[in-house]
Amino acid sequence: MTVIDTAPLGRANAPAPTFVHLSGDIDILTTTRLRRRLLNALDNSTDLLVLDLSQVTFCGAGGLGVMIDVQSHGRERGITLALTGLPSSIARLLRITGLDRRFPIVA
């Protein structure tokens, strides 16, 4: 798993969402580092944190757990965690687990 970029993108008259671009595998070897980086992204985020998963090749149960945990921390701070760029395998995983109803999916 690689965090490519964490950067806010500006919009007129609205807080800029923060985008985190991920790549590679999200598995047992990467979840601890991912959790730490995403919680740090929350510390530097506005009201919307968007995870771009378009370059993620695998996401295991631990990766889903990290996303749920970060979403919970975000809610405590008034930050929404949204997903974008879902590869078909991850979209299917979210659908099977019912998490597609828990996370906002943005184009």
PDB file of N, CA and C in Angstrom:
ATOM      1  N   MET A   1       0.857  -1.172   0.000  1.00  0.00           N
ATOM      2  CA  MET A   1       0.000   0.000   0.000  1.00  0.00           C
ATOM      3  C   MET A   1       0.891   1.218   0.000  1.00  0.00           C
ATOM      4  N   THR A   2       0.572   2.134  -0.870  1.00  0.00           N
ATOM      5  CA  THR A   2       1.304   3.386  -0.946  1.00  0.00           C
ATOM      6  C   THR A   2       0.325   4.530  -0.884  1.00  0.00           C
ATOM      7  N   VAL A   3       0.598   5.502  -0.044  1.00  0.00           N
ATOM      8  CA  VAL A   3      -0.170   6.730  -0.055  1.00  0.00           C
ATOM      9  C   VAL A   3       0.529   7.642  -1.050  1.00  0.00           C
ATOM     10  N   ILE A   4      -0.127   7.905  -2.168  1.00  0.00           N
ATOM     11  CA  ILE A   4       0.488   8.698  -3.221  1.00  0.00           C
ATOM     12  C   ILE A   4       0.501  10.164  -2.853  1.00  0.00           C
ATOM     13  N   ASP A   5      -0.609  10.643  -2.318  1.00  0.00           N
ATOM     14  CA  ASP A   5      -0.750  12.085  -2.163  1.00  0.00           C
ATOM     15  C   ASP A   5      -1.858  12.345  -1.161  1.00  0.00           C
ATOM     16  N   THR A   6      -1.664  13.307  -0.323  1.00  0.00           N
ATOM     17  CA  THR A   6      -2.722  13.795   0.542  1.00  0.00           C
ATOM     18  C   THR A   6      -2.781  15.288   0.312  1.00  0.00           C
ATOM     19  N   ALA A   7      -3.825  15.745  -0.364  1.00  0.00           N
ATOM     20  CA  ALA A   7      -3.872  17.162  -0.705  1.00  0.00           C
ATOM     21  C   ALA A   7      -5.298  17.662  -0.742  1.00  0.00           C
ATOM     22  N   PRO A   8      -5.543  18.828  -0.162  1.00  0.00           N
ATOM     23  CA  PRO A   8      -6.870  19.427  -0.290  1.00  0.00           C
ATOM     24  C   PRO A   8      -7.025  20.042  -1.675  1.00  0.00           C
ATOM     25  N   LEU A   9      -8.214  19.932  -2.222  1.00  0.00           N
ATOM     26  CA  LEU A   9      -8.540  20.566  -3.500  1.00  0.00           C
ATOM     27  C   LEU A   9      -9.553  21.658  -3.229  1.00  0.00           C
ATOM     28  N   GLY A  10      -9.314  22.843  -3.755  1.00  0.00           N
ATOM     29  CA  GLY A  10     -10.149  23.997  -3.442  1.00  0.00           C
ATOM     30  C   GLY A  10     -11.445  24.079  -4.221  1.00  0.00           C
ATOM     31  N   ARG A  11     -12.462  24.652  -3.581  1.00  0.00           N
ATOM     32  CA  ARG A  11     -13.742  24.983  -4.180  1.00  0.00           C
ATOM     33  C   ARG A  11     -14.091  26.379  -3.687  1.00  0.00           C
ATOM     34  N   ALA A  12     -14.721  27.134  -4.528  1.00  0.00           N
ATOM     35  CA  ALA A  12     -15.123  28.478  -4.126  1.00  0.00           C
ATOM     36  C   ALA A  12     -16.175  28.400  -3.022  1.00  0.00           C
ATOM     37  N   ASN A  13     -15.992  29.179  -1.971  1.00  0.00           N
ATOM     38  CA  ASN A  13     -16.958  29.338  -0.888  1.00  0.00           C
ATOM     39  C   ASN A  13     -17.284  28.058  -0.135  1.00  0.00           C
ATOM     40  N   ALA A  14     -16.436  27.055  -0.211  1.00  0.00           N
ATOM     41  CA  ALA A  14     -16.683  25.829   0.536  1.00  0.00           C
ATOM     42  C   ALA A  14     -15.342  25.273   0.995  1.00  0.00           C
ATOM     43  N   PRO A  15     -15.339  24.608   2.159  1.00  0.00           N
ATOM     44  CA  PRO A  15     -14.090  23.991   2.597  1.00  0.00           C
ATOM     45  C   PRO A  15     -13.633  22.959   1.565  1.00  0.00           C
ATOM     46  N   ALA A  16     -12.347  22.923   1.314  1.00  0.00           N
ATOM     47  CA  ALA A  16     -11.807  21.992   0.329  1.00  0.00           C
ATOM     48  C   ALA A  16     -11.778  20.582   0.895  1.00  0.00           C
ATOM     49  N   PRO A  17     -12.252  19.599   0.116  1.00  0.00           N
ATOM     50  CA  PRO A  17     -12.112  18.211   0.576  1.00  0.00           C
ATOM     51  C   PRO A  17     -10.643  17.818   0.541  1.00  0.00           C
ATOM     52  N   THR A  18     -10.291  16.870   1.372  1.00  0.00           N
ATOM     53  CA  THR A  18      -8.943  16.322   1.370  1.00  0.00           C
ATOM     54  C   THR A  18      -8.990  14.985   0.650  1.00  0.00           C
ATOM     55  N   PHE A  19      -8.109  14.808  -0.327  1.00  0.00           N
ATOM     56  CA  PHE A  19      -8.026  13.558  -1.079  1.00  0.00           C
ATOM     57  C   PHE A  19      -6.780  12.793  -0.641  1.00  0.00           C
ATOM     58  N   VAL A  20      -6.961  11.494  -0.414  1.00  0.00           N
ATOM     59  CA  VAL A  20      -5.847  10.597  -0.145  1.00  0.00           C
ATOM     60  C   VAL A  20      -5.878   9.546  -1.246  1.00  0.00           C
ATOM     61  N   HIS A  21      -4.817   9.503  -2.034  1.00  0.00           N
ATOM     62  CA  HIS A  21      -4.717   8.561  -3.148  1.00  0.00           C
ATOM     63  C   HIS A  21      -3.912   7.352  -2.681  1.00  0.00           C
ATOM     64  N   LEU A  22      -4.533   6.182  -2.746  1.00  0.00           N
ATOM     65  CA  LEU A  22      -3.891   4.950  -2.298  1.00  0.00           C
ATOM     66  C   LEU A  22      -3.555   4.076  -3.494  1.00  0.00           C
ATOM     67  N   SER A  23      -2.524   3.234  -3.345  1.00  0.00           N
ATOM     68  CA  SER A  23      -2.195   2.290  -4.403  1.00  0.00           C
ATOM     69  C   SER A  23      -1.641   1.012  -3.795  1.00  0.00           C
ATOM     70  N   GLY A  24      -1.673  -0.055  -4.567  1.00  0.00           N
ATOM     71  CA  GLY A  24      -1.130  -1.329  -4.127  1.00  0.00           C
ATOM     72  C   GLY A  24      -2.117  -2.120  -3.293  1.00  0.00           C
ATOM     73  N   ASP A  25      -1.570  -3.010  -2.472  1.00  0.00           N
ATOM     74  CA  ASP A  25      -2.379  -3.893  -1.632  1.00  0.00           C
ATOM     75  C   ASP A  25      -2.633  -3.277  -0.264  1.00  0.00           C
ATOM     76  N   ILE A  26      -3.856  -3.422   0.201  1.00  0.00           N
ATOM     77  CA  ILE A  26      -4.199  -3.060   1.577  1.00  0.00           C
ATOM     78  C   ILE A  26      -4.466  -4.386   2.271  1.00  0.00           C
ATOM     79  N   ASP A  27      -3.463  -4.850   3.001  1.00  0.00           N
ATOM     80  CA  ASP A  27      -3.536  -6.158   3.631  1.00  0.00           C
ATOM     81  C   ASP A  27      -2.953  -6.089   5.040  1.00  0.00           C
ATOM     82  N   ILE A  28      -2.786  -7.235   5.638  1.00  0.00           N
ATOM     83  CA  ILE A  28      -2.320  -7.282   7.027  1.00  0.00           C
ATOM     84  C   ILE A  28      -0.959  -6.615   7.210  1.00  0.00           C
ATOM     85  N   LEU A  29      -0.164  -6.567   6.164  1.00  0.00           N
ATOM     86  CA  LEU A  29       1.162  -5.954   6.260  1.00  0.00           C
ATOM     87  C   LEU A  29       1.122  -4.433   6.183  1.00  0.00           C
ATOM     88  N   THR A  30       0.014  -3.871   5.710  1.00  0.00           N
ATOM     89  CA  THR A  30      -0.039  -2.429   5.484  1.00  0.00           C
ATOM     90  C   THR A  30      -1.079  -1.691   6.318  1.00  0.00           C
ATOM     91  N   THR A  31      -1.939  -2.418   7.011  1.00  0.00           N
ATOM     92  CA  THR A  31      -3.057  -1.752   7.688  1.00  0.00           C
ATOM     93  C   THR A  31      -2.629  -0.845   8.833  1.00  0.00           C
ATOM     94  N   THR A  32      -1.599  -1.213   9.585  1.00  0.00           N
ATOM     95  CA  THR A  32      -1.165  -0.360  10.696  1.00  0.00           C
ATOM     96  C   THR A  32      -0.680   0.987  10.181  1.00  0.00           C
ATOM     97  N   ARG A  33       0.149   0.955   9.160  1.00  0.00           N
ATOM     98  CA  ARG A  33       0.667   2.198   8.573  1.00  0.00           C
ATOM     99  C   ARG A  33      -0.464   2.996   7.936  1.00  0.00           C
ATOM    100  N   LEU A  34      -1.387   2.313   7.262  1.00  0.00           N
ATOM    101  CA  LEU A  34      -2.516   3.001   6.637  1.00  0.00           C
ATOM    102  C   LEU A  34      -3.372   3.698   7.685  1.00  0.00           C
ATOM    103  N   ARG A  35      -3.696   3.008   8.764  1.00  0.00           N
ATOM    104  CA  ARG A  35      -4.508   3.600   9.836  1.00  0.00           C
ATOM    105  C   ARG A  35      -3.845   4.866  10.369  1.00  0.00           C
ATOM    106  N   ARG A  36      -2.551   4.793  10.636  1.00  0.00           N
ATOM    107  CA  ARG A  36      -1.809   5.944  11.153  1.00  0.00           C
ATOM    108  C   ARG A  36      -1.874   7.112  10.170  1.00  0.00           C
ATOM    109  N   ARG A  37      -1.663   6.845   8.889  1.00  0.00           N
ATOM    110  CA  ARG A  37      -1.676   7.911   7.880  1.00  0.00           C
ATOM    111  C   ARG A  37      -3.065   8.495   7.687  1.00  0.00           C
ATOM    112  N   LEU A  38      -4.091   7.663   7.730  1.00  0.00           N
ATOM    113  CA  LEU A  38      -5.448   8.191   7.545  1.00  0.00           C
ATOM    114  C   LEU A  38      -5.903   8.995   8.757  1.00  0.00           C
ATOM    115  N   LEU A  39      -5.524   8.565   9.956  1.00  0.00           N
ATOM    116  CA  LEU A  39      -5.861   9.362  11.136  1.00  0.00           C
ATOM    117  C   LEU A  39      -5.130  10.699  11.092  1.00  0.00           C
ATOM    118  N   ASN A  40      -3.905  10.707  10.589  1.00  0.00           N
ATOM    119  CA  ASN A  40      -3.175  11.956  10.401  1.00  0.00           C
ATOM    120  C   ASN A  40      -3.887  12.830   9.364  1.00  0.00           C
ATOM    121  N   ALA A  41      -4.387  12.208   8.302  1.00  0.00           N
ATOM    122  CA  ALA A  41      -5.128  12.962   7.283  1.00  0.00           C
ATOM    123  C   ALA A  41      -6.378  13.593   7.895  1.00  0.00           C
ATOM    124  N   LEU A  42      -7.033  12.884   8.828  1.00  0.00           N
ATOM    125  CA  LEU A  42      -8.195  13.465   9.519  1.00  0.00           C
ATOM    126  C   LEU A  42      -7.788  14.717  10.288  1.00  0.00           C
ATOM    127  N   ASP A  43      -6.613  14.665  10.912  1.00  0.00           N
ATOM    128  CA  ASP A  43      -6.136  15.826  11.674  1.00  0.00           C
ATOM    129  C   ASP A  43      -5.964  17.051  10.790  1.00  0.00           C
ATOM    130  N   ASN A  44      -5.709  16.828   9.505  1.00  0.00           N
ATOM    131  CA  ASN A  44      -5.453  17.921   8.574  1.00  0.00           C
ATOM    132  C   ASN A  44      -6.571  18.095   7.560  1.00  0.00           C
ATOM    133  N   SER A  45      -7.717  17.513   7.823  1.00  0.00           N
ATOM    134  CA  SER A  45      -8.826  17.531   6.874  1.00  0.00           C
ATOM    135  C   SER A  45      -9.863  18.581   7.256  1.00  0.00           C
ATOM    136  N   THR A  46     -10.679  18.913   6.281  1.00  0.00           N
ATOM    137  CA  THR A  46     -11.813  19.790   6.533  1.00  0.00           C
ATOM    138  C   THR A  46     -13.014  18.905   6.843  1.00  0.00           C
ATOM    139  N   ASP A  47     -14.127  19.137   6.207  1.00  0.00           N
ATOM    140  CA  ASP A  47     -15.327  18.353   6.513  1.00  0.00           C
ATOM    141  C   ASP A  47     -15.494  17.112   5.647  1.00  0.00           C
ATOM    142  N   LEU A  48     -14.595  16.907   4.680  1.00  0.00           N
ATOM    143  CA  LEU A  48     -14.699  15.754   3.780  1.00  0.00           C
ATOM    144  C   LEU A  48     -13.322  15.186   3.479  1.00  0.00           C
ATOM    145  N   LEU A  49     -13.149  13.898   3.779  1.00  0.00           N
ATOM    146  CA  LEU A  49     -11.929  13.159   3.461  1.00  0.00           C
ATOM    147  C   LEU A  49     -12.308  12.100   2.440  1.00  0.00           C
ATOM    148  N   VAL A  50     -11.688  12.163   1.258  1.00  0.00           N
ATOM    149  CA  VAL A  50     -12.014  11.245   0.166  1.00  0.00           C
ATOM    150  C   VAL A  50     -10.834  10.312  -0.075  1.00  0.00           C
ATOM    151  N   LEU A  51     -11.095   9.008  -0.015  1.00  0.00           N
ATOM    152  CA  LEU A  51     -10.067   8.022  -0.326  1.00  0.00           C
ATOM    153  C   LEU A  51     -10.223   7.605  -1.774  1.00  0.00           C
ATOM    154  N   ASP A  52      -9.196   7.846  -2.573  1.00  0.00           N
ATOM    155  CA  ASP A  52      -9.177   7.424  -3.967  1.00  0.00           C
ATOM    156  C   ASP A  52      -8.550   6.037  -4.018  1.00  0.00           C
ATOM    157  N   LEU A  53      -9.369   5.041  -4.342  1.00  0.00           N
ATOM    158  CA  LEU A  53      -8.926   3.650  -4.348  1.00  0.00           C
ATOM    159  C   LEU A  53      -8.645   3.133  -5.756  1.00  0.00           C
ATOM    160  N   SER A  54      -8.579   4.016  -6.734  1.00  0.00           N
ATOM    161  CA  SER A  54      -8.472   3.593  -8.135  1.00  0.00           C
ATOM    162  C   SER A  54      -7.201   2.796  -8.434  1.00  0.00           C
ATOM    163  N   GLN A  55      -6.158   2.955  -7.639  1.00  0.00           N
ATOM    164  CA  GLN A  55      -4.909   2.229  -7.867  1.00  0.00           C
ATOM    165  C   GLN A  55      -4.680   1.107  -6.849  1.00  0.00           C
ATOM    166  N   VAL A  56      -5.724   0.788  -6.069  1.00  0.00           N
ATOM    167  CA  VAL A  56      -5.610  -0.293  -5.086  1.00  0.00           C
ATOM    168  C   VAL A  56      -5.857  -1.621  -5.797  1.00  0.00           C
ATOM    169  N   THR A  57      -4.933  -2.561  -5.623  1.00  0.00           N
ATOM    170  CA  THR A  57      -5.027  -3.855  -6.297  1.00  0.00           C
ATOM    171  C   THR A  57      -5.676  -4.938  -5.437  1.00  0.00           C
ATOM    172  N   PHE A  58      -5.688  -4.743  -4.122  1.00  0.00           N
ATOM    173  CA  PHE A  58      -6.291  -5.714  -3.206  1.00  0.00           C
ATOM    174  C   PHE A  58      -6.667  -5.003  -1.924  1.00  0.00           C
ATOM    175  N   CYS A  59      -7.795  -5.383  -1.354  1.00  0.00           N
ATOM    176  CA  CYS A  59      -8.201  -4.877  -0.046  1.00  0.00           C
ATOM    177  C   CYS A  59      -8.777  -6.035   0.750  1.00  0.00           C
ATOM    178  N   GLY A  60      -8.120  -6.375   1.836  1.00  0.00           N
ATOM    179  CA  GLY A  60      -8.576  -7.448   2.698  1.00  0.00           C
ATOM    180  C   GLY A  60      -9.469  -6.938   3.817  1.00  0.00           C
ATOM    181  N   ALA A  61      -9.855  -7.856   4.681  1.00  0.00           N
ATOM    182  CA  ALA A  61     -10.734  -7.512   5.797  1.00  0.00           C
ATOM    183  C   ALA A  61     -10.108  -6.455   6.697  1.00  0.00           C
ATOM    184  N   GLY A  62      -8.802  -6.520   6.869  1.00  0.00           N
ATOM    185  CA  GLY A  62      -8.122  -5.518   7.693  1.00  0.00           C
ATOM    186  C   GLY A  62      -8.244  -4.119   7.112  1.00  0.00           C
ATOM    187  N   GLY A  63      -8.194  -4.026   5.793  1.00  0.00           N
ATOM    188  CA  GLY A  63      -8.364  -2.738   5.128  1.00  0.00           C
ATOM    189  C   GLY A  63      -9.749  -2.175   5.340  1.00  0.00           C
ATOM    190  N   LEU A  64     -10.753  -3.056   5.269  1.00  0.00           N
ATOM    191  CA  LEU A  64     -12.124  -2.610   5.537  1.00  0.00           C
ATOM    192  C   LEU A  64     -12.246  -2.132   6.978  1.00  0.00           C
ATOM    193  N   GLY A  65     -11.602  -2.858   7.890  1.00  0.00           N
ATOM    194  CA  GLY A  65     -11.626  -2.461   9.289  1.00  0.00           C
ATOM    195  C   GLY A  65     -11.003  -1.092   9.510  1.00  0.00           C
ATOM    196  N   VAL A  66      -9.911  -0.806   8.803  1.00  0.00           N
ATOM    197  CA  VAL A  66      -9.271   0.506   8.910  1.00  0.00           C
ATOM    198  C   VAL A  66     -10.238   1.587   8.430  1.00  0.00           C
ATOM    199  N   MET A  67     -10.891   1.358   7.307  1.00  0.00           N
ATOM    200  CA  MET A  67     -11.817   2.364   6.779  1.00  0.00           C
ATOM    201  C   MET A  67     -12.972   2.618   7.745  1.00  0.00           C
ATOM    202  N   ILE A  68     -13.488   1.564   8.363  1.00  0.00           N
ATOM    203  CA  ILE A  68     -14.570   1.712   9.338  1.00  0.00           C
ATOM    204  C   ILE A  68     -14.081   2.499  10.548  1.00  0.00           C
ATOM    205  N   ASP A  69     -12.887   2.158  11.035  1.00  0.00           N
ATOM    206  CA  ASP A  69     -12.308   2.853  12.189  1.00  0.00           C
ATOM    207  C   ASP A  69     -12.081   4.336  11.895  1.00  0.00           C
ATOM    208  N   VAL A  70     -11.509   4.632  10.734  1.00  0.00           N
ATOM    209  CA  VAL A  70     -11.243   6.022  10.371  1.00  0.00           C
ATOM    210  C   VAL A  70     -12.559   6.773  10.180  1.00  0.00           C
ATOM    211  N   GLN A  71     -13.556   6.109   9.617  1.00  0.00           N
ATOM    212  CA  GLN A  71     -14.861   6.748   9.467  1.00  0.00           C
ATOM    213  C   GLN A  71     -15.438   7.110  10.835  1.00  0.00           C
ATOM    214  N   SER A  72     -15.315   6.220  11.798  1.00  0.00           N
ATOM    215  CA  SER A  72     -15.823   6.497  13.152  1.00  0.00           C
ATOM    216  C   SER A  72     -15.097   7.681  13.784  1.00  0.00           C
ATOM    217  N   HIS A  73     -13.772   7.717  13.664  1.00  0.00           N
ATOM    218  CA  HIS A  73     -13.015   8.854  14.186  1.00  0.00           C
ATOM    219  C   HIS A  73     -13.414  10.144  13.473  1.00  0.00           C
ATOM    220  N   GLY A  74     -13.637  10.046  12.179  1.00  0.00           N
ATOM    221  CA  GLY A  74     -14.058  11.220  11.417  1.00  0.00           C
ATOM    222  C   GLY A  74     -15.404  11.746  11.877  1.00  0.00           C
ATOM    223  N   ARG A  75     -16.342  10.855  12.085  1.00  0.00           N
ATOM    224  CA  ARG A  75     -17.672  11.278  12.547  1.00  0.00           C
ATOM    225  C   ARG A  75     -17.590  12.022  13.868  1.00  0.00           C
ATOM    226  N   GLU A  76     -16.714  11.566  14.753  1.00  0.00           N
ATOM    227  CA  GLU A  76     -16.529  12.248  16.036  1.00  0.00           C
ATOM    228  C   GLU A  76     -16.064  13.684  15.841  1.00  0.00           C
ATOM    229  N   ARG A  77     -15.393  13.944  14.728  1.00  0.00           N
ATOM    230  CA  ARG A  77     -14.853  15.278  14.436  1.00  0.00           C
ATOM    231  C   ARG A  77     -15.692  16.044  13.409  1.00  0.00           C
ATOM    232  N   GLY A  78     -16.798  15.442  12.987  1.00  0.00           N
ATOM    233  CA  GLY A  78     -17.640  16.097  11.994  1.00  0.00           C
ATOM    234  C   GLY A  78     -17.107  15.991  10.577  1.00  0.00           C
ATOM    235  N   ILE A  79     -16.292  14.968  10.327  1.00  0.00           N
ATOM    236  CA  ILE A  79     -15.693  14.762   9.005  1.00  0.00           C
ATOM    237  C   ILE A  79     -16.317  13.521   8.365  1.00  0.00           C
ATOM    238  N   THR A  80     -16.722  13.666   7.118  1.00  0.00           N
ATOM    239  CA  THR A  80     -17.269  12.548   6.352  1.00  0.00           C
ATOM    240  C   THR A  80     -16.137  11.860   5.607  1.00  0.00           C
ATOM    241  N   LEU A  81     -16.103  10.532   5.661  1.00  0.00           N
ATOM    242  CA  LEU A  81     -15.158   9.746   4.877  1.00  0.00           C
ATOM    243  C   LEU A  81     -15.906   9.197   3.672  1.00  0.00           C
ATOM    244  N   ALA A  82     -15.451   9.539   2.481  1.00  0.00           N
ATOM    245  CA  ALA A  82     -16.065   9.063   1.244  1.00  0.00           C
ATOM    246  C   ALA A  82     -15.023   8.301   0.434  1.00  0.00           C
ATOM    247  N   LEU A  83     -15.503   7.461  -0.478  1.00  0.00           N
ATOM    248  CA  LEU A  83     -14.629   6.668  -1.336  1.00  0.00           C
ATOM    249  C   LEU A  83     -14.853   7.053  -2.783  1.00  0.00           C
ATOM    250  N   THR A  84     -13.806   6.949  -3.581  1.00  0.00           N
ATOM    251  CA  THR A  84     -13.912   7.198  -5.011  1.00  0.00           C
ATOM    252  C   THR A  84     -12.968   6.255  -5.749  1.00  0.00           C
ATOM    253  N   GLY A  85     -13.198   6.104  -7.053  1.00  0.00           N
ATOM    254  CA  GLY A  85     -12.317   5.295  -7.890  1.00  0.00           C
ATOM    255  C   GLY A  85     -12.295   3.834  -7.524  1.00  0.00           C
ATOM    256  N   LEU A  86     -13.452   3.283  -7.203  1.00  0.00           N
ATOM    257  CA  LEU A  86     -13.487   1.897  -6.742  1.00  0.00           C
ATOM    258  C   LEU A  86     -13.230   0.910  -7.877  1.00  0.00           C
ATOM    259  N   PRO A  87     -12.173   0.096  -7.777  1.00  0.00           N
ATOM    260  CA  PRO A  87     -12.014  -1.006  -8.721  1.00  0.00           C
ATOM    261  C   PRO A  87     -13.183  -1.976  -8.547  1.00  0.00           C
ATOM    262  N   SER A  88     -13.507  -2.723  -9.570  1.00  0.00           N
ATOM    263  CA  SER A  88     -14.682  -3.600  -9.508  1.00  0.00           C
ATOM    264  C   SER A  88     -14.582  -4.615  -8.366  1.00  0.00           C
ATOM    265  N   SER A  89     -13.387  -5.105  -8.071  1.00  0.00           N
ATOM    266  CA  SER A  89     -13.245  -6.088  -6.989  1.00  0.00           C
ATOM    267  C   SER A  89     -13.566  -5.471  -5.629  1.00  0.00           C
ATOM    268  N   ILE A  90     -13.175  -4.228  -5.419  1.00  0.00           N
ATOM    269  CA  ILE A  90     -13.454  -3.566  -4.140  1.00  0.00           C
ATOM    270  C   ILE A  90     -14.916  -3.151  -4.076  1.00  0.00           C
ATOM    271  N   ALA A  91     -15.479  -2.699  -5.185  1.00  0.00           N
ATOM    272  CA  ALA A  91     -16.907  -2.372  -5.214  1.00  0.00           C
ATOM    273  C   ALA A  91     -17.730  -3.611  -4.861  1.00  0.00           C
ATOM    274  N   ARG A  92     -17.324  -4.752  -5.394  1.00  0.00           N
ATOM    275  CA  ARG A  92     -18.024  -6.010  -5.097  1.00  0.00           C
ATOM    276  C   ARG A  92     -17.884  -6.369  -3.614  1.00  0.00           C
ATOM    277  N   LEU A  93     -16.687  -6.224  -3.068  1.00  0.00           N
ATOM    278  CA  LEU A  93     -16.449  -6.503  -1.653  1.00  0.00           C
ATOM    279  C   LEU A  93     -17.324  -5.618  -0.769  1.00  0.00           C
ATOM    280  N   LEU A  94     -17.400  -4.339  -1.095  1.00  0.00           N
ATOM    281  CA  LEU A  94     -18.251  -3.424  -0.326  1.00  0.00           C
ATOM    282  C   LEU A  94     -19.722  -3.818  -0.427  1.00  0.00           C
ATOM    283  N   ARG A  95     -20.144  -4.232  -1.623  1.00  0.00           N
ATOM    284  CA  ARG A  95     -21.535  -4.641  -1.830  1.00  0.00           C
ATOM    285  C   ARG A  95     -21.856  -5.905  -1.025  1.00  0.00           C
ATOM    286  N   ILE A  96     -20.964  -6.898  -1.078  1.00  0.00           N
ATOM    287  CA  ILE A  96     -21.173  -8.167  -0.370  1.00  0.00           C
ATOM    288  C   ILE A  96     -21.251  -7.956   1.137  1.00  0.00           C
ATOM    289  N   THR A  97     -20.419  -7.078   1.655  1.00  0.00           N
ATOM    290  CA  THR A  97     -20.372  -6.838   3.104  1.00  0.00           C
ATOM    291  C   THR A  97     -21.414  -5.819   3.573  1.00  0.00           C
ATOM    292  N   GLY A  98     -22.087  -5.167   2.627  1.00  0.00           N
ATOM    293  CA  GLY A  98     -23.066  -4.147   2.982  1.00  0.00           C
ATOM    294  C   GLY A  98     -22.441  -2.795   3.276  1.00  0.00           C
ATOM    295  N   LEU A  99     -21.122  -2.689   3.135  1.00  0.00           N
ATOM    296  CA  LEU A  99     -20.449  -1.428   3.433  1.00  0.00           C
ATOM    297  C   LEU A  99     -20.672  -0.378   2.354  1.00  0.00           C
ATOM    298  N   ASP A 100     -21.208  -0.792   1.222  1.00  0.00           N
ATOM    299  CA  ASP A 100     -21.534   0.197   0.181  1.00  0.00           C
ATOM    300  C   ASP A 100     -22.634   1.134   0.659  1.00  0.00           C
ATOM    301  N   ARG A 101     -23.393   0.714   1.662  1.00  0.00           N
ATOM    302  CA  ARG A 101     -24.431   1.587   2.235  1.00  0.00           C
ATOM    303  C   ARG A 101     -23.885   2.431   3.380  1.00  0.00           C
ATOM    304  N   ARG A 102     -22.711   2.115   3.852  1.00  0.00           N
ATOM    305  CA  ARG A 102     -22.120   2.840   4.977  1.00  0.00           C
ATOM    306  C   ARG A 102     -21.239   3.998   4.503  1.00  0.00           C
ATOM    307  N   PHE A 103     -20.553   3.815   3.376  1.00  0.00           N
ATOM    308  CA  PHE A 103     -19.635   4.816   2.874  1.00  0.00           C
ATOM    309  C   PHE A 103     -20.230   5.551   1.688  1.00  0.00           C
ATOM    310  N   PRO A 104     -20.197   6.885   1.702  1.00  0.00           N
ATOM    311  CA  PRO A 104     -20.584   7.620   0.500  1.00  0.00           C
ATOM    312  C   PRO A 104     -19.573   7.319  -0.604  1.00  0.00           C
ATOM    313  N   ILE A 105     -20.095   7.082  -1.806  1.00  0.00           N
ATOM    314  CA  ILE A 105     -19.240   6.832  -2.968  1.00  0.00           C
ATOM    315  C   ILE A 105     -19.391   8.044  -3.875  1.00  0.00           C
ATOM    316  N   VAL A 106     -18.266   8.675  -4.221  1.00  0.00           N
ATOM    317  CA  VAL A 106     -18.315   9.860  -5.081  1.00  0.00           C
ATOM    318  C   VAL A 106     -17.634   9.541  -6.405  1.00  0.00           C
ATOM    319  N   ALA A 107     -18.103  10.233  -7.452  1.00  0.00           N
ATOM    320  CA  ALA A 107     -17.541   9.998  -8.798  1.00  0.00           C
ATOM    321  C   ALA A 107     -16.190  10.643  -8.923  1.00  0.00           C
TER     322      ALA A 107
END
